[in-house]
Amino acid sequence: MSEQVENVVPVWTLTTTEVDMQVAVDESSMTPQRLTELRSALALFADAPIATLEVHPRPRDLDRSHGIPFGAMSPLARHLGTLISGAAKSTSSAATGEALYRMVVPAKVAAQIGSGVLSPMASSAVSGGVHSALVGAKGIAAQASFIPAVGVGAAGAATAGIGALTVAAPLMLMAVAAGASVYAEYQRKQAIDRLTTLLEKLHADRLDDERNRLDGCRNAIDKATAVLLDQGRIGASLGLDSAVHAIDTEIASAERRLAQWRRSLATLRGDTIELAALNRALPGIDAPDSEFYAHLELARLAIALKRRVLVLQAVEHAQLNEGNPFDNFVAALELDSQNLDKLVASLDSLLYRLSTVRIDRSHGVFDFTFGSGDVDKLLNTAHRLRALSDSVSPIEQPKDVAIEIAREADGSILVFPAIAAQATPMPGRRHVGADASIG
């Protein structure tokens, strides 16, 4: 088989409602760049959300540790199976067994869902890169071609061609919800790992209790995720109500602490601040294993858990209301995430302000000596403050977001965290299993 044929990728265009729209393109094949341009054009001019679904060979050494599994009878797996089965009847290009599907949500739709809910996972392996379960060590060749696949429309009629849109609202809802949930779970794991390391050094029982209460919510959230994405109803036995209460309590604590930090920092004027004055305003900021940094991680943990809960509540809202479930899902997320977005923005603002502070030694009347230990503390604190900017969400143009779904031969699937979609992967990009670390 030639390399040209090996890199041919079937692709569907999906929408959530009937859209009277045709785009004149060459339907035999197109490049990744042209597909990206087409997707952006469709998202710009169409009234309903439009996504594309690509079919790629599944990497042999795929790392499954970062995905959420769903059985073959789950709604997401069944909707995906119906789509590809309909395509298999009319074309041999769509994979019907093991494959890796990539649903690309345009930046416009991703922005509507929420910047903190559906965001690409950053990579430490490549500067400016992103993690991807799809891309192997050799990447995808730049000359890869995309060909239109055949899907099944809302009424069961076959639709074909890049210009024809397959109505697949439940599939898009389930895929986006699962991708957002697994991304929030990734954030939770990162926060709990950092927090555990801090608390091992701090030996603070009170903070240990806060951490344990929050992390104890994960079991109820995992069960509720499985039930809701199987189109079930959340009952009291799952314990989600108590989990939400614990998370909301910690969110309130984070808001209170953040307000106090902002008030204290506002009393310090200028870009150059004496270390002693900064430590009086924000006790523990000069020590890497202090309560200040533990409180930061507790806030991040609570925010990550709240993101998962918001996705669950939005899915439940969409499934209980008639009409377009994807529109209901987006509306519920927009409504409920506003206050959380304000908290995240306020926290980012504080961290960015701290990262720009130039700290100096004390210049008081009685400050005659300044030893090597004082110099080390000053330098270490300065480096630590600069590093705070790394956790601030960058202000940039919204990106197309890809949700990758690995399908097994038995029809079961594995959904991976959302990643940034690129027309042509950068040289040297590797899938998550090849990285020594994540973050």
Protein backbone atom coordinates (compact mmCIF):
# COMPACT_ATOMS: atom_id res chain seq x y z
CA MET A 1 0.00 0.00 0.00
CA SER A 2 1.44 3.38 -0.92
CA GLU A 3 1.98 6.17 1.57
CA GLN A 4 -0.58 8.29 -0.30
CA VAL A 5 -3.31 5.69 0.30
CA GLU A 6 -2.28 5.06 3.90
CA ASN A 7 -2.85 8.75 4.72
CA VAL A 8 -6.33 8.99 3.24
CA VAL A 9 -8.70 9.96 6.09
CA PRO A 10 -12.54 9.65 5.83
CA VAL A 11 -14.40 12.63 7.30
CA TRP A 12 -18.03 13.48 8.11
CA THR A 13 -19.49 16.95 8.58
CA LEU A 14 -21.92 16.92 11.53
CA THR A 15 -24.55 19.38 12.67
CA THR A 16 -27.08 19.47 15.51
CA THR A 17 -30.07 20.53 13.40
CA GLU A 18 -31.15 20.59 9.79
CA VAL A 19 -29.14 23.30 8.02
CA ASP A 20 -29.96 24.43 4.48
CA MET A 21 -26.41 25.03 3.37
CA GLN A 22 -24.14 23.69 0.67
CA VAL A 23 -20.46 24.41 0.20
CA ALA A 24 -18.89 23.97 -3.20
CA VAL A 25 -15.73 21.89 -2.77
CA ASP A 26 -13.89 19.08 -4.50
CA GLU A 27 -15.52 16.06 -2.85
CA SER A 28 -12.92 13.53 -3.98
CA SER A 29 -10.27 14.58 -1.46
CA MET A 30 -8.86 17.62 0.32
CA THR A 31 -5.82 18.57 2.38
CA PRO A 32 -5.85 19.09 6.16
CA GLN A 33 -5.44 22.84 5.62
CA ARG A 34 -8.44 23.00 3.30
CA LEU A 35 -10.51 20.97 5.76
CA THR A 36 -9.67 23.45 8.53
CA GLU A 37 -10.68 26.36 6.31
CA LEU A 38 -13.92 24.62 5.38
CA ARG A 39 -14.75 23.89 9.02
CA SER A 40 -14.17 27.55 9.95
CA ALA A 41 -16.38 28.72 7.08
CA LEU A 42 -19.19 26.35 8.05
CA ALA A 43 -19.01 27.46 11.69
CA LEU A 44 -19.07 31.13 10.64
CA PHE A 45 -22.07 31.02 8.30
CA ALA A 46 -24.23 28.23 9.75
CA ASP A 47 -26.78 28.94 12.48
CA ALA A 48 -26.30 25.53 14.13
CA PRO A 49 -23.07 24.09 15.59
CA ILE A 50 -21.08 22.18 12.98
CA ALA A 51 -18.22 19.77 13.64
CA THR A 52 -16.22 17.26 11.63
CA LEU A 53 -15.51 13.64 12.48
CA GLU A 54 -12.35 12.03 11.10
CA VAL A 55 -11.40 8.34 11.06
CA HIS A 56 -7.74 7.49 11.71
CA PRO A 57 -5.89 4.20 12.29
CA ARG A 58 -5.56 3.54 15.99
CA PRO A 59 -1.93 3.79 17.22
CA ARG A 60 -0.57 0.47 18.46
CA ASP A 61 0.93 1.95 21.62
CA LEU A 62 -2.05 4.11 22.52
CA ASP A 63 -1.92 5.24 26.16
CA ARG A 64 -5.36 4.48 27.64
CA SER A 65 -4.64 5.84 31.12
CA HIS A 66 -5.99 9.31 30.32
CA GLY A 67 -9.37 8.32 28.89
CA ILE A 68 -12.85 7.56 30.18
CA PRO A 69 -14.20 4.16 29.00
CA PHE A 70 -17.76 3.58 27.79
CA GLY A 71 -19.34 0.23 26.97
CA ALA A 72 -20.59 -0.78 23.54
CA MET A 73 -24.19 -0.23 24.66
CA SER A 74 -23.60 3.31 25.96
CA PRO A 75 -25.42 6.04 23.97
CA LEU A 76 -22.19 7.61 22.75
CA ALA A 77 -20.86 4.28 21.47
CA ARG A 78 -24.21 3.41 19.89
CA HIS A 79 -24.59 6.79 18.16
CA LEU A 80 -21.06 6.48 16.80
CA GLY A 81 -21.74 2.90 15.69
CA THR A 82 -24.95 3.93 13.89
CA LEU A 83 -23.11 6.64 12.00
CA ILE A 84 -20.26 4.44 10.80
CA SER A 85 -22.56 1.49 10.04
CA GLY A 86 -24.61 3.72 7.78
CA ALA A 87 -21.43 4.83 6.07
CA ALA A 88 -20.18 1.26 5.65
CA LYS A 89 -23.25 0.36 3.58
CA SER A 90 -22.38 2.97 0.98
CA THR A 91 -18.60 3.28 1.09
CA SER A 92 -15.60 1.19 2.03
CA SER A 93 -13.67 4.19 3.34
CA ALA A 94 -15.14 4.33 6.83
CA ALA A 95 -13.64 2.08 9.49
CA THR A 96 -16.12 -0.28 11.12
CA GLY A 97 -13.85 -1.97 13.67
CA GLU A 98 -10.90 -0.67 15.66
CA ALA A 99 -10.15 2.96 14.84
CA LEU A 100 -9.51 6.33 16.42
CA TYR A 101 -12.14 8.98 15.72
CA ARG A 102 -11.38 12.66 16.05
CA MET A 103 -14.32 15.06 16.42
CA VAL A 104 -13.17 18.62 15.80
CA VAL A 105 -15.34 21.33 17.35
CA PRO A 106 -14.80 24.76 15.73
CA ALA A 107 -13.40 27.55 17.91
CA LYS A 108 -16.71 29.41 17.73
CA VAL A 109 -18.59 26.49 19.28
CA ALA A 110 -15.83 25.75 21.82
CA ALA A 111 -15.95 29.38 22.98
CA GLN A 112 -19.73 29.13 23.46
CA ILE A 113 -19.32 26.06 25.62
CA GLY A 114 -16.82 27.82 27.89
CA SER A 115 -13.10 28.51 28.02
CA GLY A 116 -12.59 26.50 31.18
CA VAL A 117 -14.81 23.55 30.28
CA LEU A 118 -13.51 22.59 26.86
CA SER A 119 -9.87 23.63 26.64
CA PRO A 120 -6.90 21.96 24.98
CA MET A 121 -4.48 20.12 27.26
CA ALA A 122 -1.02 21.74 27.17
CA SER A 123 2.15 19.72 26.61
CA SER A 124 5.55 19.91 28.27
CA ALA A 125 7.12 17.67 25.64
CA VAL A 126 7.03 20.23 22.83
CA SER A 127 7.24 23.99 23.21
CA GLY A 128 3.88 25.41 22.23
CA GLY A 129 2.52 21.94 21.58
CA VAL A 130 -0.39 19.93 22.87
CA HIS A 131 -0.85 16.34 23.97
CA SER A 132 -2.52 14.05 21.52
CA ALA A 133 -3.55 10.42 21.74
CA LEU A 134 -3.82 10.35 17.97
CA VAL A 135 -0.36 11.41 16.83
CA GLY A 136 2.39 8.79 17.07
CA ALA A 137 6.15 9.23 17.06
CA LYS A 138 6.20 9.75 13.28
CA GLY A 139 3.17 12.00 13.23
CA ILE A 140 0.65 12.22 10.40
CA ALA A 141 2.14 13.01 6.99
CA ALA A 142 1.54 16.53 5.76
CA GLN A 143 0.21 15.17 2.46
CA ALA A 144 -2.68 13.33 4.18
CA SER A 145 -5.93 13.63 2.23
CA PHE A 146 -9.47 13.75 3.61
CA ILE A 147 -12.34 12.18 1.71
CA PRO A 148 -16.08 12.62 2.37
CA ALA A 149 -17.77 9.75 4.18
CA VAL A 150 -21.44 8.83 4.07
CA GLY A 151 -23.55 9.26 7.18
CA VAL A 152 -27.13 8.71 8.30
CA GLY A 153 -29.29 11.80 8.66
CA ALA A 154 -31.98 12.54 11.21
CA ALA A 155 -34.66 10.61 9.33
CA GLY A 156 -32.35 7.76 8.34
CA ALA A 157 -31.68 9.04 4.83
CA ALA A 158 -28.11 8.75 3.61
CA THR A 159 -26.17 11.96 3.19
CA ALA A 160 -22.85 12.22 1.41
CA GLY A 161 -20.19 14.77 0.60
CA ILE A 162 -18.37 17.50 2.48
CA GLY A 163 -21.16 19.93 1.62
CA ALA A 164 -23.86 17.64 3.05
CA LEU A 165 -24.33 17.84 6.79
CA THR A 166 -25.24 14.80 8.88
CA VAL A 167 -27.61 15.60 11.76
CA ALA A 168 -26.01 14.07 14.86
CA ALA A 169 -27.01 16.20 17.85
CA PRO A 170 -26.89 13.36 20.43
CA LEU A 171 -23.48 12.23 19.18
CA MET A 172 -22.06 15.75 19.45
CA LEU A 173 -23.62 16.29 22.87
CA MET A 174 -22.23 13.03 24.26
CA ALA A 175 -18.77 13.51 22.75
CA VAL A 176 -18.40 17.10 23.93
CA ALA A 177 -19.69 16.25 27.42
CA ALA A 178 -17.35 13.27 27.73
CA GLY A 179 -14.36 15.25 26.43
CA ALA A 180 -15.07 18.13 28.80
CA SER A 181 -15.50 15.75 31.73
CA VAL A 182 -12.24 13.89 31.09
CA TYR A 183 -10.36 17.19 30.70
CA ALA A 184 -11.71 18.41 34.06
CA GLU A 185 -10.69 15.08 35.59
CA TYR A 186 -7.17 15.60 34.23
CA GLN A 187 -7.08 19.00 35.95
CA ARG A 188 -8.28 17.40 39.19
CA LYS A 189 -5.49 14.81 39.10
CA GLN A 190 -2.88 17.49 38.52
CA ALA A 191 -4.20 19.57 41.43
CA ILE A 192 -4.46 16.64 43.84
CA ASP A 193 -0.92 15.51 43.05
CA ARG A 194 0.52 18.97 43.73
CA LEU A 195 -1.58 19.36 46.85
CA THR A 196 -0.59 15.97 48.25
CA THR A 197 3.10 16.82 47.84
CA LEU A 198 2.58 20.13 49.66
CA LEU A 199 0.63 18.64 52.55
CA GLU A 200 3.20 15.90 53.10
CA LYS A 201 5.68 18.67 53.94
CA LEU A 202 3.24 20.93 55.75
CA HIS A 203 1.72 18.38 58.18
CA ALA A 204 -1.51 20.40 58.51
CA ASP A 205 -4.39 18.19 59.61
CA ARG A 206 -6.99 20.86 58.88
CA LEU A 207 -5.84 21.22 55.28
CA ASP A 208 -5.64 17.43 55.00
CA ASP A 209 -9.31 17.28 55.93
CA GLU A 210 -10.20 19.84 53.25
CA ARG A 211 -8.26 17.89 50.64
CA ASN A 212 -9.83 14.58 51.65
CA ARG A 213 -13.37 15.99 51.57
CA LEU A 214 -12.83 17.31 48.07
CA ASP A 215 -11.12 14.24 46.69
CA GLY A 216 -13.81 12.10 48.27
CA CYS A 217 -16.30 13.72 45.88
CA ARG A 218 -14.69 12.02 42.89
CA ASN A 219 -16.43 8.67 43.36
CA ALA A 220 -19.90 10.23 43.31
CA ILE A 221 -19.00 12.37 40.29
CA ASP A 222 -17.61 9.36 38.39
CA LYS A 223 -20.81 7.38 39.02
CA ALA A 224 -23.02 10.30 38.05
CA THR A 225 -20.99 10.79 34.85
CA ALA A 226 -21.49 7.17 33.87
CA VAL A 227 -25.22 7.28 34.65
CA LEU A 228 -25.92 10.55 32.85
CA LEU A 229 -23.93 9.70 29.75
CA ASP A 230 -25.92 6.46 29.65
CA GLN A 231 -29.03 8.70 29.62
CA GLY A 232 -30.10 7.65 33.08
CA ARG A 233 -31.35 9.68 36.03
CA ILE A 234 -29.22 10.73 38.99
CA GLY A 235 -30.65 9.33 42.22
CA ALA A 236 -29.91 10.29 45.81
CA SER A 237 -28.05 7.01 46.32
CA LEU A 238 -25.15 8.26 44.18
CA GLY A 239 -24.26 10.89 46.79
CA LEU A 240 -23.85 13.68 44.25
CA ASP A 241 -25.81 16.19 46.36
CA SER A 242 -23.38 15.89 49.26
CA ALA A 243 -20.44 16.07 46.85
CA VAL A 244 -21.80 19.28 45.31
CA HIS A 245 -22.23 20.74 48.81
CA ALA A 246 -18.62 19.95 49.72
CA ILE A 247 -17.36 21.48 46.45
CA ASP A 248 -19.49 24.61 46.81
CA THR A 249 -18.25 25.03 50.38
CA GLU A 250 -14.65 24.91 49.20
CA ILE A 251 -15.43 27.30 46.33
CA ALA A 252 -16.81 29.75 48.92
CA SER A 253 -13.63 29.35 50.98
CA ALA A 254 -11.53 30.01 47.88
CA GLU A 255 -13.53 33.17 47.12
CA ARG A 256 -13.10 34.40 50.69
CA ARG A 257 -9.35 33.73 50.72
CA LEU A 258 -8.89 35.31 47.32
CA ALA A 259 -10.74 38.45 48.39
CA GLN A 260 -8.48 38.71 51.45
CA TRP A 261 -5.34 38.25 49.34
CA ARG A 262 -6.47 40.95 46.92
CA ARG A 263 -7.21 43.40 49.74
CA SER A 264 -3.85 42.74 51.36
CA LEU A 265 -1.96 43.08 48.08
CA ALA A 266 -3.76 46.34 47.31
CA THR A 267 -2.14 47.94 50.37
CA LEU A 268 1.31 47.47 48.81
CA ARG A 269 2.14 50.17 46.28
CA GLY A 270 4.61 50.09 43.43
CA ASP A 271 6.24 47.36 41.39
CA THR A 272 9.08 46.87 43.88
CA ILE A 273 8.03 45.50 47.26
CA GLU A 274 10.15 44.51 50.23
CA LEU A 275 9.98 40.78 50.91
CA ALA A 276 9.09 41.28 54.57
CA ALA A 277 6.16 43.54 53.62
CA LEU A 278 4.93 41.06 51.02
CA ASN A 279 5.13 38.21 53.51
CA ARG A 280 3.15 40.23 56.06
CA ALA A 281 0.45 40.85 53.47
CA LEU A 282 0.44 37.26 52.20
CA PRO A 283 1.83 35.05 54.99
CA GLY A 284 3.82 32.10 53.66
CA ILE A 285 4.44 33.42 50.16
CA ASP A 286 8.20 33.16 50.77
CA ALA A 287 8.01 29.43 51.62
CA PRO A 288 7.24 26.79 48.95
CA ASP A 289 5.44 24.47 51.38
CA SER A 290 3.32 27.07 53.19
CA GLU A 291 -0.45 27.30 53.68
CA PHE A 292 -0.60 30.03 51.03
CA TYR A 293 0.39 27.60 48.26
CA ALA A 294 -1.75 24.84 49.76
CA HIS A 295 -4.75 27.17 49.64
CA LEU A 296 -3.96 27.91 45.99
CA GLU A 297 -4.02 24.20 45.16
CA LEU A 298 -7.23 23.66 47.14
CA ALA A 299 -8.85 26.39 45.05
CA ARG A 300 -7.66 24.76 41.81
CA LEU A 301 -8.93 21.36 42.98
CA ALA A 302 -12.34 22.78 43.86
CA ILE A 303 -12.55 24.57 40.49
CA ALA A 304 -11.67 21.37 38.59
CA LEU A 305 -14.32 19.39 40.47
CA LYS A 306 -16.87 22.16 39.94
CA ARG A 307 -16.17 22.03 36.20
CA ARG A 308 -17.04 18.32 36.17
CA VAL A 309 -20.25 18.99 38.11
CA LEU A 310 -21.24 21.78 35.72
CA VAL A 311 -20.89 19.42 32.76
CA LEU A 312 -23.08 16.85 34.52
CA GLN A 313 -25.74 19.43 35.33
CA ALA A 314 -25.70 20.71 31.75
CA VAL A 315 -26.11 17.17 30.35
CA GLU A 316 -28.99 16.49 32.73
CA HIS A 317 -30.64 19.77 31.74
CA ALA A 318 -30.29 18.96 28.04
CA GLN A 319 -31.72 15.46 28.41
CA LEU A 320 -34.71 16.57 30.51
CA ASN A 321 -35.76 19.33 28.12
CA GLU A 322 -37.30 18.86 24.72
CA GLY A 323 -35.87 20.52 21.66
CA ASN A 324 -32.24 20.63 20.58
CA PRO A 325 -30.25 18.93 23.36
CA PHE A 326 -26.96 20.47 22.27
CA ASP A 327 -28.38 24.01 22.46
CA ASN A 328 -29.79 23.24 25.91
CA PHE A 329 -26.43 21.83 26.96
CA VAL A 330 -24.57 24.98 25.84
CA ALA A 331 -27.13 27.30 27.45
CA ALA A 332 -26.93 25.48 30.78
CA LEU A 333 -23.13 25.63 30.79
CA GLU A 334 -23.11 29.33 29.93
CA LEU A 335 -25.55 30.13 32.73
CA ASP A 336 -23.90 28.07 35.46
CA SER A 337 -20.26 28.73 34.64
CA GLN A 338 -20.33 32.53 34.75
CA ASN A 339 -19.59 32.82 38.47
CA LEU A 340 -16.90 30.15 38.26
CA ASP A 341 -15.32 31.98 35.32
CA LYS A 342 -15.24 35.16 37.41
CA LEU A 343 -13.43 33.30 40.20
CA VAL A 344 -10.89 31.87 37.77
CA ALA A 345 -10.33 35.30 36.18
CA SER A 346 -9.88 36.92 39.58
CA LEU A 347 -7.41 34.23 40.66
CA ASP A 348 -5.49 34.59 37.39
CA SER A 349 -5.35 38.35 37.90
CA LEU A 350 -3.86 37.94 41.37
CA LEU A 351 -1.27 35.40 40.21
CA TYR A 352 -0.26 37.56 37.26
CA ARG A 353 0.13 40.59 39.55
CA LEU A 354 2.34 38.57 41.90
CA SER A 355 4.43 37.26 39.00
CA THR A 356 5.31 40.83 37.99
CA VAL A 357 6.35 42.00 41.46
CA ARG A 358 10.02 42.86 41.94
CA ILE A 359 10.94 41.99 45.50
CA ASP A 360 13.68 43.68 47.47
CA ARG A 361 15.33 43.20 50.83
CA SER A 362 14.23 45.27 53.83
CA HIS A 363 15.70 48.74 54.13
CA GLY A 364 14.65 49.53 57.69
CA VAL A 365 16.72 51.40 60.24
CA PHE A 366 17.73 48.21 62.04
CA ASP A 367 18.43 46.12 58.92
CA PHE A 368 22.24 46.21 59.10
CA THR A 369 23.00 42.66 57.96
CA PHE A 370 21.90 40.65 54.94
CA GLY A 371 23.44 37.17 54.96
CA SER A 372 23.70 34.45 52.31
CA GLY A 373 20.56 32.75 53.66
CA ASP A 374 18.61 35.97 53.15
CA VAL A 375 19.94 36.23 49.61
CA ASP A 376 18.87 32.66 48.84
CA LYS A 377 15.36 33.25 50.20
CA LEU A 378 15.04 36.45 48.18
CA LEU A 379 16.14 34.77 44.95
CA ASN A 380 14.06 31.63 45.50
CA THR A 381 10.94 33.69 46.25
CA ALA A 382 11.53 35.81 43.15
CA HIS A 383 11.77 32.68 40.96
CA ARG A 384 8.68 31.20 42.61
CA LEU A 385 6.66 34.35 41.97
CA ARG A 386 7.71 34.43 38.31
CA ALA A 387 6.56 30.82 37.96
CA LEU A 388 3.04 31.76 39.09
CA SER A 389 2.39 33.18 35.64
CA ASP A 390 2.70 29.66 34.17
CA SER A 391 -0.63 28.71 35.73
CA VAL A 392 -2.45 31.77 34.37
CA SER A 393 -4.80 31.00 31.48
CA PRO A 394 -3.34 32.65 28.38
CA ILE A 395 -5.39 35.30 26.60
CA GLU A 396 -5.46 34.14 23.01
CA GLN A 397 -7.75 33.56 20.09
CA PRO A 398 -10.09 30.57 20.58
CA LYS A 399 -8.83 27.39 18.93
CA ASP A 400 -10.59 24.51 17.27
CA VAL A 401 -10.82 21.73 19.85
CA ALA A 402 -10.50 18.02 19.04
CA ILE A 403 -12.06 15.21 21.07
CA GLU A 404 -10.52 11.83 20.31
CA ILE A 405 -12.46 8.57 20.70
CA ALA A 406 -10.76 5.17 20.44
CA ARG A 407 -13.15 2.43 19.30
CA GLU A 408 -12.50 -1.23 20.06
CA ALA A 409 -13.53 -4.16 17.88
CA ASP A 410 -16.42 -4.96 20.27
CA GLY A 411 -17.85 -1.44 19.89
CA SER A 412 -16.70 -0.11 23.29
CA ILE A 413 -14.97 3.27 23.26
CA LEU A 414 -12.46 5.36 25.19
CA VAL A 415 -12.76 9.18 25.23
CA PHE A 416 -9.61 11.26 25.71
CA PRO A 417 -9.11 14.82 27.05
CA ALA A 418 -9.77 17.67 24.65
CA ILE A 419 -6.76 18.81 22.65
CA ALA A 420 -6.10 21.68 20.27
CA ALA A 421 -6.84 20.69 16.69
CA GLN A 422 -4.20 21.37 14.08
CA ALA A 423 -4.42 20.97 10.34
CA THR A 424 -0.94 19.46 10.18
CA PRO A 425 0.73 18.14 13.36
CA MET A 426 4.06 19.68 14.27
CA PRO A 427 7.18 17.58 13.65
CA GLY A 428 8.13 15.56 16.70
CA ARG A 429 4.71 15.56 18.34
CA ARG A 430 4.10 12.39 20.28
CA HIS A 431 1.08 10.79 21.84
CA VAL A 432 0.75 10.95 25.63
CA GLY A 433 2.24 7.52 26.16
CA ALA A 434 5.59 8.75 24.86
CA ASP A 435 5.90 11.63 27.33
CA ALA A 436 7.77 11.27 30.56
CA SER A 437 5.38 13.65 32.28
CA ILE A 438 2.18 15.54 31.66
CA GLY A 439 1.52 19.18 32.45
